[in-house]
Each structure stands twice: as structure tokens, then as C-alpha cells.
C-alpha atoms as a PDB file:
ATOM      1  CA  UNK A   1      -2.511  22.927   8.164  1.00  0.00           C
ATOM      2  CA  UNK A   2      -1.186  20.236   5.798  1.00  0.00           C
ATOM      3  CA  UNK A   3      -3.431  17.694   7.561  1.00  0.00           C
ATOM      4  CA  UNK A   4      -6.608  19.516   6.527  1.00  0.00           C
ATOM      5  CA  UNK A   5      -8.471  17.655   3.726  1.00  0.00           C
ATOM      6  CA  UNK A   6      -8.855  20.846   1.683  1.00  0.00           C
ATOM      7  CA  UNK A   7      -5.088  21.373   1.801  1.00  0.00           C
ATOM      8  CA  UNK A   8      -4.391  17.832   0.572  1.00  0.00           C
ATOM      9  CA  UNK A   9      -7.002  18.037  -2.193  1.00  0.00           C
ATOM     10  CA  UNK A  10      -5.572  21.399  -3.189  1.00  0.00           C
ATOM     11  CA  UNK A  11      -2.061  19.931  -3.193  1.00  0.00           C
ATOM     12  CA  UNK A  12      -3.153  17.150  -5.545  1.00  0.00           C
ATOM     13  CA  UNK A  13      -4.899  19.644  -7.825  1.00  0.00           C
ATOM     14  CA  UNK A  14      -1.902  21.978  -7.894  1.00  0.00           C
ATOM     15  CA  UNK A  15       0.596  19.225  -8.729  1.00  0.00           C
ATOM     16  CA  UNK A  16      -1.643  17.741 -11.429  1.00  0.00           C
ATOM     17  CA  UNK A  17      -2.343  21.211 -12.851  1.00  0.00           C
ATOM     18  CA  UNK A  18       1.375  21.976 -13.005  1.00  0.00           C
ATOM     19  CA  UNK A  19       2.042  18.681 -14.765  1.00  0.00           C
ATOM     20  CA  UNK A  20      -0.697  19.323 -17.308  1.00  0.00           C
ATOM     21  CA  UNK A  21       0.435  22.923 -17.849  1.00  0.00           C
ATOM     22  CA  UNK A  22       4.103  22.024 -18.323  1.00  0.00           C
ATOM     23  CA  UNK A  23       3.412  19.016 -20.540  1.00  0.00           C
ATOM     24  CA  UNK A  24       2.005  19.445 -24.079  1.00  0.00           C
ATOM     25  CA  UNK A  25      -1.769  19.016 -23.784  1.00  0.00           C
ATOM     26  CA  UNK A  26      -2.195  17.661 -27.297  1.00  0.00           C
ATOM     27  CA  UNK A  27       0.389  14.916 -26.699  1.00  0.00           C
ATOM     28  CA  UNK A  28      -1.163  14.049 -23.333  1.00  0.00           C
ATOM     29  CA  UNK A  29      -4.613  13.816 -24.900  1.00  0.00           C
ATOM     30  CA  UNK A  30      -3.276  11.626 -27.722  1.00  0.00           C
ATOM     31  CA  UNK A  31      -1.542   9.312 -25.220  1.00  0.00           C
ATOM     32  CA  UNK A  32      -4.702   8.890 -23.149  1.00  0.00           C
ATOM     33  CA  UNK A  33      -6.805   8.275 -26.257  1.00  0.00           C
ATOM     34  CA  UNK A  34      -4.663   5.242 -27.028  1.00  0.00           C
ATOM     35  CA  UNK A  35      -6.299   3.370 -24.142  1.00  0.00           C
ATOM     36  CA  UNK A  36      -9.088   1.128 -25.527  1.00  0.00           C
ATOM     37  CA  UNK A  37     -12.332   0.936 -23.554  1.00  0.00           C
ATOM     38  CA  UNK A  38     -11.824  -2.723 -22.612  1.00  0.00           C
ATOM     39  CA  UNK A  39      -8.600  -1.865 -20.764  1.00  0.00           C
ATOM     40  CA  UNK A  40     -10.437  -0.008 -17.987  1.00  0.00           C
ATOM     41  CA  UNK A  41     -12.619  -2.879 -16.662  1.00  0.00           C
ATOM     42  CA  UNK A  42      -9.834  -5.421 -17.151  1.00  0.00           C
ATOM     43  CA  UNK A  43      -7.339  -3.281 -15.234  1.00  0.00           C
ATOM     44  CA  UNK A  44      -9.884  -2.650 -12.466  1.00  0.00           C
ATOM     45  CA  UNK A  45     -10.720  -6.349 -12.173  1.00  0.00           C
ATOM     46  CA  UNK A  46      -7.052  -7.312 -11.988  1.00  0.00           C
ATOM     47  CA  UNK A  47      -6.397  -4.553  -9.433  1.00  0.00           C
ATOM     48  CA  UNK A  48      -9.228  -5.706  -7.156  1.00  0.00           C
ATOM     49  CA  UNK A  49      -8.252  -9.370  -7.477  1.00  0.00           C
ATOM     50  CA  UNK A  50      -4.602  -8.661  -6.677  1.00  0.00           C
ATOM     51  CA  UNK A  51      -5.607  -6.977  -3.430  1.00  0.00           C
ATOM     52  CA  UNK A  52      -6.904 -10.314  -2.166  1.00  0.00           C
ATOM     53  CA  UNK A  53      -3.191 -11.043  -1.724  1.00  0.00           C
ATOM     54  CA  UNK A  54      -3.108  -7.932   0.465  1.00  0.00           C
ATOM     55  CA  UNK A  55      -6.026  -9.252   2.525  1.00  0.00           C
ATOM     56  CA  UNK A  56      -4.229 -12.561   3.108  1.00  0.00           C
ATOM     57  CA  UNK A  57      -0.992 -10.790   4.036  1.00  0.00           C
ATOM     58  CA  UNK A  58      -2.626  -8.386   6.474  1.00  0.00           C
ATOM     59  CA  UNK A  59      -4.645 -11.159   8.129  1.00  0.00           C
ATOM     60  CA  UNK A  60      -1.524 -13.291   8.477  1.00  0.00           C
ATOM     61  CA  UNK A  61       0.324 -10.513  10.310  1.00  0.00           C
ATOM     62  CA  UNK A  62      -2.438  -9.269  12.618  1.00  0.00           C
ATOM     63  CA  UNK A  63      -3.367 -12.826  13.605  1.00  0.00           C
ATOM     64  CA  UNK A  64       0.276 -13.643  14.255  1.00  0.00           C
ATOM     65  CA  UNK A  65       0.190 -10.719  16.706  1.00  0.00           C
ATOM     66  CA  UNK A  66      -2.964 -12.060  18.390  1.00  0.00           C
ATOM     67  CA  UNK A  67      -5.895 -10.317  16.651  1.00  0.00           C
ATOM     68  CA  UNK A  68      -7.636 -13.631  15.783  1.00  0.00           C
ATOM     69  CA  UNK A  69      -9.860 -12.294  12.995  1.00  0.00           C
ATOM     70  CA  UNK A  70     -11.644 -14.438  10.368  1.00  0.00           C
ATOM     71  CA  UNK A  71     -10.994 -13.891   6.672  1.00  0.00           C
ATOM     72  CA  UNK A  72     -14.356 -12.245   5.925  1.00  0.00           C
ATOM     73  CA  UNK A  73     -13.865  -9.627   8.646  1.00  0.00           C
ATOM     74  CA  UNK A  74     -10.345  -8.947   7.378  1.00  0.00           C
ATOM     75  CA  UNK A  75     -11.559  -8.606   3.793  1.00  0.00           C
ATOM     76  CA  UNK A  76     -14.292  -6.164   4.833  1.00  0.00           C
ATOM     77  CA  UNK A  77     -11.865  -4.046   6.878  1.00  0.00           C
ATOM     78  CA  UNK A  78      -9.191  -4.182   4.169  1.00  0.00           C
ATOM     79  CA  UNK A  79     -11.516  -2.981   1.424  1.00  0.00           C
ATOM     80  CA  UNK A  80     -12.875  -0.229   3.670  1.00  0.00           C
ATOM     81  CA  UNK A  81      -9.221   0.803   4.004  1.00  0.00           C
ATOM     82  CA  UNK A  82      -8.871   0.755   0.225  1.00  0.00           C
ATOM     83  CA  UNK A  83     -11.923   3.016   0.085  1.00  0.00           C
ATOM     84  CA  UNK A  84     -10.366   5.296   2.702  1.00  0.00           C
ATOM     85  CA  UNK A  85      -7.208   5.663   0.628  1.00  0.00           C
ATOM     86  CA  UNK A  86      -9.298   7.585  -1.907  1.00  0.00           C
ATOM     87  CA  UNK A  87     -10.040  10.378   0.548  1.00  0.00           C
ATOM     88  CA  UNK A  88      -7.238  10.337   3.141  1.00  0.00           C
ATOM     89  CA  UNK A  89      -3.607  11.556   2.991  1.00  0.00           C
ATOM     90  CA  UNK A  90      -0.989   9.404   1.243  1.00  0.00           C
ATOM     91  CA  UNK A  91      -1.658   5.655   1.257  1.00  0.00           C
ATOM     92  CA  UNK A  92      -1.321   5.401   5.038  1.00  0.00           C
ATOM     93  CA  UNK A  93      -4.708   6.972   5.798  1.00  0.00           C
ATOM     94  CA  UNK A  94      -6.444   3.801   4.677  1.00  0.00           C
ATOM     95  CA  UNK A  95      -4.439   1.825   7.247  1.00  0.00           C
ATOM     96  CA  UNK A  96      -6.141   3.804  10.022  1.00  0.00           C
ATOM     97  CA  UNK A  97      -9.579   3.084   8.536  1.00  0.00           C
ATOM     98  CA  UNK A  98      -8.718  -0.586   8.117  1.00  0.00           C
ATOM     99  CA  UNK A  99      -7.620  -1.007  11.732  1.00  0.00           C
ATOM    100  CA  UNK A 100     -10.545   1.058  13.013  1.00  0.00           C
ATOM    101  CA  UNK A 101     -13.128  -1.098  11.247  1.00  0.00           C
ATOM    102  CA  UNK A 102     -11.600  -4.320  12.621  1.00  0.00           C
ATOM    103  CA  UNK A 103     -10.914  -2.968  16.119  1.00  0.00           C
ATOM    104  CA  UNK A 104     -14.157  -4.090  17.785  1.00  0.00           C
ATOM    105  CA  UNK A 105     -13.811  -7.665  16.508  1.00  0.00           C
ATOM    106  CA  UNK A 106     -10.126  -8.141  17.368  1.00  0.00           C
ATOM    107  CA  UNK A 107      -9.231 -10.281  20.368  1.00  0.00           C
ATOM    108  CA  UNK A 108      -6.065  -8.211  20.850  1.00  0.00           C
ATOM    109  CA  UNK A 109      -6.341  -4.567  19.847  1.00  0.00           C
ATOM    110  CA  UNK A 110      -2.609  -4.107  20.400  1.00  0.00           C
ATOM    111  CA  UNK A 111      -1.989  -7.074  18.125  1.00  0.00           C
ATOM    112  CA  UNK A 112      -4.213  -5.510  15.465  1.00  0.00           C
ATOM    113  CA  UNK A 113      -2.366  -2.184  15.602  1.00  0.00           C
ATOM    114  CA  UNK A 114       1.073  -3.789  15.696  1.00  0.00           C
ATOM    115  CA  UNK A 115       0.231  -6.199  12.884  1.00  0.00           C
ATOM    116  CA  UNK A 116      -1.030  -3.294  10.755  1.00  0.00           C
ATOM    117  CA  UNK A 117       2.159  -1.351  11.438  1.00  0.00           C
ATOM    118  CA  UNK A 118       4.334  -4.337  10.553  1.00  0.00           C
ATOM    119  CA  UNK A 119       2.223  -4.831   7.428  1.00  0.00           C
ATOM    120  CA  UNK A 120       2.953  -1.284   6.236  1.00  0.00           C
ATOM    121  CA  UNK A 121       6.658  -1.540   7.117  1.00  0.00           C
ATOM    122  CA  UNK A 122       6.958  -4.833   5.238  1.00  0.00           C
ATOM    123  CA  UNK A 123       5.237  -3.209   2.270  1.00  0.00           C
ATOM    124  CA  UNK A 124       7.839  -0.426   2.217  1.00  0.00           C
ATOM    125  CA  UNK A 125      10.702  -2.890   2.606  1.00  0.00           C
ATOM    126  CA  UNK A 126       9.146  -5.101  -0.079  1.00  0.00           C
ATOM    127  CA  UNK A 127       8.831  -2.189  -2.503  1.00  0.00           C
ATOM    128  CA  UNK A 128      12.436  -1.226  -1.792  1.00  0.00           C
ATOM    129  CA  UNK A 129      13.465  -4.837  -2.447  1.00  0.00           C
ATOM    130  CA  UNK A 130      11.596  -4.892  -5.768  1.00  0.00           C
ATOM    131  CA  UNK A 131      13.221  -1.570  -6.703  1.00  0.00           C
ATOM    132  CA  UNK A 132      16.582  -3.033  -5.696  1.00  0.00           C
ATOM    133  CA  UNK A 133      16.068  -5.987  -8.015  1.00  0.00           C
ATOM    134  CA  UNK A 134      15.190  -3.561 -10.801  1.00  0.00           C
ATOM    135  CA  UNK A 135      18.269  -1.458 -10.015  1.00  0.00           C
ATOM    136  CA  UNK A 136      20.526  -4.489 -10.272  1.00  0.00           C
ATOM    137  CA  UNK A 137      18.940  -5.540 -13.565  1.00  0.00           C
ATOM    138  CA  UNK A 138      18.833  -2.030 -15.057  1.00  0.00           C
ATOM    139  CA  UNK A 139      22.307  -1.034 -16.268  1.00  0.00           C
ATOM    140  CA  UNK A 140      21.364   2.667 -16.486  1.00  0.00           C
ATOM    141  CA  UNK A 141      19.234   2.916 -13.340  1.00  0.00           C
ATOM    142  CA  UNK A 142      22.193   3.593 -11.054  1.00  0.00           C
ATOM    143  CA  UNK A 143      25.900   3.917 -11.553  1.00  0.00           C
ATOM    144  CA  UNK A 144      28.084   1.560  -9.453  1.00  0.00           C
ATOM    145  CA  UNK A 145      28.602   4.059  -6.643  1.00  0.00           C
ATOM    146  CA  UNK A 146      24.931   5.031  -6.480  1.00  0.00           C
ATOM    147  CA  UNK A 147      23.932   1.376  -6.565  1.00  0.00           C
ATOM    148  CA  UNK A 148      26.107   0.725  -3.511  1.00  0.00           C
ATOM    149  CA  UNK A 149      24.485   3.664  -1.740  1.00  0.00           C
ATOM    150  CA  UNK A 150      21.017   2.389  -2.683  1.00  0.00           C
ATOM    151  CA  UNK A 151      21.715  -1.091  -1.360  1.00  0.00           C
ATOM    152  CA  UNK A 152      23.451   0.339   1.716  1.00  0.00           C
ATOM    153  CA  UNK A 153      20.389   2.416   2.572  1.00  0.00           C
ATOM    154  CA  UNK A 154      18.252  -0.704   2.257  1.00  0.00           C
ATOM    155  CA  UNK A 155      20.530  -2.527   4.678  1.00  0.00           C
ATOM    156  CA  UNK A 156      20.416   0.394   7.117  1.00  0.00           C
ATOM    157  CA  UNK A 157      16.615   0.371   6.936  1.00  0.00           C
ATOM    158  CA  UNK A 158      16.534  -3.316   7.806  1.00  0.00           C
ATOM    159  CA  UNK A 159      18.998  -2.835  10.676  1.00  0.00           C
ATOM    160  CA  UNK A 160      16.981   0.114  12.028  1.00  0.00           C
ATOM    161  CA  UNK A 161      13.755  -1.906  11.946  1.00  0.00           C
ATOM    162  CA  UNK A 162      15.439  -4.789  13.766  1.00  0.00           C
ATOM    163  CA  UNK A 163      16.857  -2.357  16.347  1.00  0.00           C
ATOM    164  CA  UNK A 164      13.427  -0.871  17.051  1.00  0.00           C
ATOM    165  CA  UNK A 165      11.917  -4.327  17.479  1.00  0.00           C
ATOM    166  CA  UNK A 166      14.690  -5.402  19.870  1.00  0.00           C
ATOM    167  CA  UNK A 167      14.336  -2.147  21.814  1.00  0.00           C
ATOM    168  CA  UNK A 168      10.607  -2.713  22.292  1.00  0.00           C
ATOM    169  CA  UNK A 169      11.199  -6.246  23.523  1.00  0.00           C
ATOM    170  CA  UNK A 170      13.978  -5.246  25.970  1.00  0.00           C
ATOM    171  CA  UNK A 171      12.372  -1.992  27.234  1.00  0.00           C
ATOM    172  CA  UNK A 172      12.331  -1.900  31.107  1.00  0.00           C
ATOM    173  CA  UNK A 173       8.549  -1.678  31.426  1.00  0.00           C
ATOM    174  CA  UNK A 174       8.541  -1.982  35.250  1.00  0.00           C
ATOM    175  CA  UNK A 175      10.044   1.511  35.648  1.00  0.00           C
ATOM    176  CA  UNK A 176       7.321   3.316  33.677  1.00  0.00           C
ATOM    177  CA  UNK A 177       3.950   4.774  34.916  1.00  0.00           C
ATOM    178  CA  UNK A 178       1.171   2.216  35.369  1.00  0.00           C
ATOM    179  CA  UNK A 179      -1.050   3.273  32.455  1.00  0.00           C
ATOM    180  CA  UNK A 180       1.840   3.414  30.030  1.00  0.00           C
ATOM    181  CA  UNK A 181       3.225   0.214  31.510  1.00  0.00           C
ATOM    182  CA  UNK A 182      -0.065  -1.606  30.944  1.00  0.00           C
ATOM    183  CA  UNK A 183      -0.268  -0.497  27.326  1.00  0.00           C
ATOM    184  CA  UNK A 184       3.393  -1.356  26.653  1.00  0.00           C
ATOM    185  CA  UNK A 185       2.938  -4.790  28.183  1.00  0.00           C
ATOM    186  CA  UNK A 186       0.167  -5.455  25.660  1.00  0.00           C
ATOM    187  CA  UNK A 187       2.353  -4.165  22.838  1.00  0.00           C
ATOM    188  CA  UNK A 188       5.291  -6.258  24.022  1.00  0.00           C
ATOM    189  CA  UNK A 189       3.105  -9.356  24.096  1.00  0.00           C
ATOM    190  CA  UNK A 190       2.009  -8.648  20.547  1.00  0.00           C
ATOM    191  CA  UNK A 191       5.626  -8.078  19.479  1.00  0.00           C
ATOM    192  CA  UNK A 192       6.733 -11.330  21.067  1.00  0.00           C
ATOM    193  CA  UNK A 193       3.846 -13.213  19.463  1.00  0.00           C
ATOM    194  CA  UNK A 194       4.826 -11.812  16.071  1.00  0.00           C
ATOM    195  CA  UNK A 195       8.562 -12.372  16.571  1.00  0.00           C
ATOM    196  CA  UNK A 196       7.824 -15.907  17.714  1.00  0.00           C
ATOM    197  CA  UNK A 197       6.261 -16.660  14.349  1.00  0.00           C
ATOM    198  CA  UNK A 198       9.035 -16.001  11.811  1.00  0.00           C
ATOM    199  CA  UNK A 199       7.326 -18.180   9.223  1.00  0.00           C
ATOM    200  CA  UNK A 200       4.349 -15.783   9.209  1.00  0.00           C
ATOM    201  CA  UNK A 201       6.684 -12.800   8.783  1.00  0.00           C
ATOM    202  CA  UNK A 202       8.550 -14.482   5.936  1.00  0.00           C
ATOM    203  CA  UNK A 203       5.321 -15.551   4.239  1.00  0.00           C
ATOM    204  CA  UNK A 204       3.870 -12.046   4.607  1.00  0.00           C
ATOM    205  CA  UNK A 205       7.007 -10.508   3.132  1.00  0.00           C
ATOM    206  CA  UNK A 206       6.845 -12.835   0.136  1.00  0.00           C
ATOM    207  CA  UNK A 207       3.131 -12.122  -0.322  1.00  0.00           C
ATOM    208  CA  UNK A 208       3.912  -8.403  -0.224  1.00  0.00           C
ATOM    209  CA  UNK A 209       6.593  -8.728  -2.882  1.00  0.00           C
ATOM    210  CA  UNK A 210       4.193 -10.819  -4.971  1.00  0.00           C
ATOM    211  CA  UNK A 211       1.528  -8.115  -4.701  1.00  0.00           C
ATOM    212  CA  UNK A 212       3.900  -5.247  -5.533  1.00  0.00           C
ATOM    213  CA  UNK A 213       5.503  -7.153  -8.410  1.00  0.00           C
ATOM    214  CA  UNK A 214       2.061  -7.975  -9.823  1.00  0.00           C
ATOM    215  CA  UNK A 215       1.082  -4.301  -9.645  1.00  0.00           C
ATOM    216  CA  UNK A 216       4.303  -3.479 -11.485  1.00  0.00           C
ATOM    217  CA  UNK A 217       3.308  -5.916 -14.248  1.00  0.00           C
ATOM    218  CA  UNK A 218      -0.143  -4.317 -14.419  1.00  0.00           C
ATOM    219  CA  UNK A 219       1.455  -0.876 -14.865  1.00  0.00           C
ATOM    220  CA  UNK A 220       3.906  -2.338 -17.379  1.00  0.00           C
ATOM    221  CA  UNK A 221       0.910  -3.488 -19.447  1.00  0.00           C
ATOM    222  CA  UNK A 222      -0.750  -0.072 -19.135  1.00  0.00           C
ATOM    223  CA  UNK A 223       2.537   1.490 -20.244  1.00  0.00           C
ATOM    224  CA  UNK A 224       2.598  -0.684 -23.350  1.00  0.00           C
ATOM    225  CA  UNK A 225      -0.949   0.446 -24.144  1.00  0.00           C
ATOM    226  CA  UNK A 226       0.147   4.092 -23.809  1.00  0.00           C
ATOM    227  CA  UNK A 227       3.212   3.465 -25.976  1.00  0.00           C
ATOM    228  CA  UNK A 228       6.062   2.928 -23.489  1.00  0.00           C
ATOM    229  CA  UNK A 229       8.346   0.243 -24.865  1.00  0.00           C
ATOM    230  CA  UNK A 230      10.955  -0.477 -22.204  1.00  0.00           C
ATOM    231  CA  UNK A 231      11.898  -3.737 -20.449  1.00  0.00           C
ATOM    232  CA  UNK A 232       9.931  -4.905 -17.411  1.00  0.00           C
ATOM    233  CA  UNK A 233      12.989  -4.640 -15.159  1.00  0.00           C
ATOM    234  CA  UNK A 234      12.968  -0.861 -15.632  1.00  0.00           C
ATOM    235  CA  UNK A 235       9.424  -0.807 -14.267  1.00  0.00           C
ATOM    236  CA  UNK A 236      10.619  -2.917 -11.328  1.00  0.00           C
ATOM    237  CA  UNK A 237      13.022  -0.101 -10.494  1.00  0.00           C
ATOM    238  CA  UNK A 238      10.840   2.938 -11.216  1.00  0.00           C
ATOM    239  CA  UNK A 239       7.324   2.064 -10.070  1.00  0.00           C
ATOM    240  CA  UNK A 240       8.027   1.029  -6.434  1.00  0.00           C
ATOM    241  CA  UNK A 241      10.118   4.167  -5.857  1.00  0.00           C
ATOM    242  CA  UNK A 242       7.354   6.346  -7.295  1.00  0.00           C
ATOM    243  CA  UNK A 243       4.836   4.602  -5.040  1.00  0.00           C
ATOM    244  CA  UNK A 244       7.038   5.104  -1.973  1.00  0.00           C
ATOM    245  CA  UNK A 245       7.084   8.824  -2.788  1.00  0.00           C
ATOM    246  CA  UNK A 246       3.293   8.740  -2.535  1.00  0.00           C
ATOM    247  CA  UNK A 247       3.603   7.948   1.177  1.00  0.00           C
ATOM    248  CA  UNK A 248       4.283  11.645   1.824  1.00  0.00           C
ATOM    249  CA  UNK A 249       1.039  12.980   3.391  1.00  0.00           C
ATOM    250  CA  UNK A 250       0.901  16.141   1.296  1.00  0.00           C
ATOM    251  CA  UNK A 251      -1.744  15.205  -1.277  1.00  0.00           C
ATOM    252  CA  UNK A 252      -4.965  13.219  -1.359  1.00  0.00           C
ATOM    253  CA  UNK A 253      -3.980   9.557  -1.718  1.00  0.00           C
ATOM    254  CA  UNK A 254      -0.561  10.560  -3.051  1.00  0.00           C
ATOM    255  CA  UNK A 255      -2.150  11.798  -6.296  1.00  0.00           C
ATOM    256  CA  UNK A 256       0.200  13.952  -8.318  1.00  0.00           C
ATOM    257  CA  UNK A 257       3.285  13.044  -6.304  1.00  0.00           C
ATOM    258  CA  UNK A 258       3.510   9.571  -7.831  1.00  0.00           C
ATOM    259  CA  UNK A 259       3.087  10.883 -11.376  1.00  0.00           C
ATOM    260  CA  UNK A 260       5.770  13.544 -10.945  1.00  0.00           C
ATOM    261  CA  UNK A 261       8.178  11.028  -9.392  1.00  0.00           C
ATOM    262  CA  UNK A 262       7.451   8.488 -12.128  1.00  0.00           C
ATOM    263  CA  UNK A 263       8.216  11.020 -14.864  1.00  0.00           C
ATOM    264  CA  UNK A 264      11.527  11.963 -13.212  1.00  0.00           C
ATOM    265  CA  UNK A 265      12.584   8.354 -12.633  1.00  0.00           C
ATOM    266  CA  UNK A 266      11.716   7.300 -16.189  1.00  0.00           C
ATOM    267  CA  UNK A 267      13.655  10.168 -17.800  1.00  0.00           C
ATOM    268  CA  UNK A 268      17.084   8.392 -17.830  1.00  0.00           C
ATOM    269  CA  UNK A 269      15.513   5.527 -19.784  1.00  0.00           C
ATOM    270  CA  UNK A 270      14.295   7.733 -22.616  1.00  0.00           C
ATOM    271  CA  UNK A 271      10.622   7.649 -21.630  1.00  0.00           C
ATOM    272  CA  UNK A 272       8.911  10.966 -22.318  1.00  0.00           C
ATOM    273  CA  UNK A 273       7.318  12.737 -19.374  1.00  0.00           C
ATOM    274  CA  UNK A 274       4.020  12.795 -21.270  1.00  0.00           C
ATOM    275  CA  UNK A 275       3.824   9.019 -21.542  1.00  0.00           C
ATOM    276  CA  UNK A 276       5.059   8.482 -17.978  1.00  0.00           C
ATOM    277  CA  UNK A 277       2.455  10.856 -16.530  1.00  0.00           C
ATOM    278  CA  UNK A 278      -0.286   9.526 -18.835  1.00  0.00           C
ATOM    279  CA  UNK A 279       0.335   5.972 -17.611  1.00  0.00           C
ATOM    280  CA  UNK A 280       0.296   7.226 -14.044  1.00  0.00           C
ATOM    281  CA  UNK A 281      -3.020   9.016 -14.617  1.00  0.00           C
ATOM    282  CA  UNK A 282      -4.579   5.880 -16.088  1.00  0.00           C
ATOM    283  CA  UNK A 283      -3.512   3.926 -13.027  1.00  0.00           C
ATOM    284  CA  UNK A 284      -4.821   6.709 -10.761  1.00  0.00           C
ATOM    285  CA  UNK A 285      -8.243   6.224 -12.356  1.00  0.00           C
ATOM    286  CA  UNK A 286      -7.941   2.490 -11.655  1.00  0.00           C
ATOM    287  CA  UNK A 287      -6.944   3.219  -8.035  1.00  0.00           C
ATOM    288  CA  UNK A 288      -9.874   5.586  -7.486  1.00  0.00           C
ATOM    289  CA  UNK A 289     -12.326   3.187  -9.130  1.00  0.00           C
ATOM    290  CA  UNK A 290     -10.811   0.393  -7.051  1.00  0.00           C
ATOM    291  CA  UNK A 291     -11.267   2.404  -3.865  1.00  0.00           C
ATOM    292  CA  UNK A 292     -14.923   3.083  -4.645  1.00  0.00           C
ATOM    293  CA  UNK A 293     -15.440  -0.565  -5.616  1.00  0.00           C
ATOM    294  CA  UNK A 294     -13.695  -1.601  -2.410  1.00  0.00           C
ATOM    295  CA  UNK A 295     -16.133   0.492  -0.381  1.00  0.00           C
ATOM    296  CA  UNK A 296     -19.076  -1.131  -2.156  1.00  0.00           C
ATOM    297  CA  UNK A 297     -17.635  -4.607  -1.619  1.00  0.00           C
ATOM    298  CA  UNK A 298     -16.956  -3.896   2.065  1.00  0.00           C
ATOM    299  CA  UNK A 299     -20.522  -2.643   2.499  1.00  0.00           C
ATOM    300  CA  UNK A 300     -21.906  -5.810   0.881  1.00  0.00           C
ATOM    301  CA  UNK A 301     -19.723  -8.019   3.098  1.00  0.00           C
ATOM    302  CA  UNK A 302     -20.900  -6.085   6.146  1.00  0.00           C
ATOM    303  CA  UNK A 303     -24.545  -6.521   5.183  1.00  0.00           C
ATOM    304  CA  UNK A 304     -24.092 -10.242   4.642  1.00  0.00           C
ATOM    305  CA  UNK A 305     -22.229 -10.622   7.918  1.00  0.00           C
ATOM    306  CA  UNK A 306     -24.959  -8.756   9.782  1.00  0.00           C
ATOM    307  CA  UNK A 307     -27.657 -10.849   8.130  1.00  0.00           C
ATOM    308  CA  UNK A 308     -25.825 -14.054   9.069  1.00  0.00           C
ATOM    309  CA  UNK A 309     -25.560 -12.933  12.707  1.00  0.00           C
ATOM    310  CA  UNK A 310     -29.280 -12.071  12.852  1.00  0.00           C
ATOM    311  CA  UNK A 311     -30.196 -15.412  11.291  1.00  0.00           C
ATOM    312  CA  UNK A 312     -28.036 -17.250  13.805  1.00  0.00           C
ATOM    313  CA  UNK A 313     -29.730 -15.352  16.613  1.00  0.00           C
ATOM    314  CA  UNK A 314     -33.179 -16.335  15.348  1.00  0.00           C
ATOM    315  CA  UNK A 315     -32.163 -19.995  15.246  1.00  0.00           C
ATOM    316  CA  UNK A 316     -30.790 -19.954  18.804  1.00  0.00           C
ATOM    317  CA  UNK A 317     -33.198 -21.563  21.317  1.00  0.00           C
ATOM    318  CA  UNK A 318     -34.871 -19.220  23.776  1.00  0.00           C
ATOM    319  CA  UNK A 319     -33.729 -19.469  27.412  1.00  0.00           C
END
């Protein structure tokens, strides 16, 4: 039932309604009215531009796994995925759209799927790493014992990911049924191609951290506009953890979950829930506008690509 679109939309509406009911409406309205008109297009432009880093990162990973896709095709698929995030559960639904759009053009479909999976896993690890940096820099984010637990969980996550990768590589494929064996052979080839290119993995990880850190700075600026005056390193701790909470597929695009998590995480730093949620709502508007803009951009890229193919066909000599 939770997978049904109406359930997810209802979940988002319920969480947002609860937040708006619990929080003083007058204060929320006053906080949102602090946002000047010029902030909206600037924030949207920065958001769309930053996702070009995401395009480069995704292309790097899927091509390392054997997909062999050009940049324009990757950009079109990526921005269709951004569009899909507006209507699908959590922020993972867009990954399915992204891979589906690029599937027909990929030389290795297994490489495309594996690269997309690695891309999402690196994003989560990257966000955890950014949050870890914020935790280390924020004296009140975690007490010493909790900080050790936080860092220990990060290490366990990395070890688990490495264990899964090793298990896939060493799996005795010859003992499995033919159809499953054939599919696993393709996956293993993609895994080996990716593992054989550690520079691509390292570069993708750094690009991911650059993207997430830049989004943190964008939210930090929006927070200043709303009236949140706390150091940037606190945002480095809070925002990635709130975004990770949005991965839960219980609301449309994670709407409502991120705002509630952000308010709870900001509380120890003296940030009022009103301002925390207001900043989150402003960024939600940017995300939704970015998703719609991404769909328009992907459509334009598709039209241009189709026109280029038709023109090339007209120029080809008849046989």
C-alpha cells in the first residue's frame, strides 16, 4: 500500500500539515516573507547548475562499468530523473527513471544499472562523510561517545559495501541456473570493470562530496535569508542527515520527512523549528521547480538529439 502514489502524496500532505499545525502560523508566514523575490530564480539557477556535477559523476560511473554513453545522453537521462524525483517515492525513484531513459542507448545495460547503483551508494556515503566532517567540527553536534558511534557506523557501512562487492566478484556463478548465471556474468563483468578503475571511483566520490557540500552552502545561504545565524559547519552536519532521511520511500520525493528531520537536528543548536522548517520549505520549492525545469531541459535535449539524428540521416548517401 505504501508504494501507491496516493499514499505517498497523502503522507507528504499529512507530515507537512502536522508541521504547519504544530508550528505558529504567524511566525512561519513571517519567516517565509523574509525571502526576497530575487532569491527564488538565483537559488533555482544555482541548483540546476550544481546538478551538472551530478551528470558528470553519474556518467563517469556508468561508463566505468561499460555503459559507453555520451554526455548529452547522460544529461538528458539525468534531468529526466530529476523530473521523476518530483513525482516518485523518496529520491531513489528518479534513479529508476534515469536508468530507464538511458537503457536503450547503453552498450552494457548491466553496466548502466550497476553504475547507477554505485552512484547512489556513493552519494549516501558522501553525505555521511560530509555529516561526519560537520560532526567533528561541531562541538555540540555529538558528545564524544556518540561521535565514536557515528564514525563507527560509517566505518561499518564502508566495510559492508566492500564485502558485498567482494562477494559479487567471488560468487560461484557456474553452480547457478543458466538464466541467472548469464545475468550474473554480465553483472560481474560490470563490477570488475568498475573495480578495475579506482581512479573513476575516487573521482566520482569527490564529485559527489563537492555536489553535496555545494548544496549545503546553498541551504546555508537560504537559512541566512530566513534568519538562521549559525556557522556553516553546523549545516554540514545537519543537512546531509536530513537528506538521508528523505530516502525513506514513505512520502512523495521525501517531502515533509526532510523538514521534520531538519527541525529536530537543528534543535540542539538553538535554531527554532519555525526557521528550520521554513528554510526546508523554501528549498523544497527550489527542488520542485528544479525537477520541472529538469523535465523541460531533458525534453529540449531529446528534441535536439532527434533532430540531429534525422539531419544526419538525410545527409547520408542513398544505397
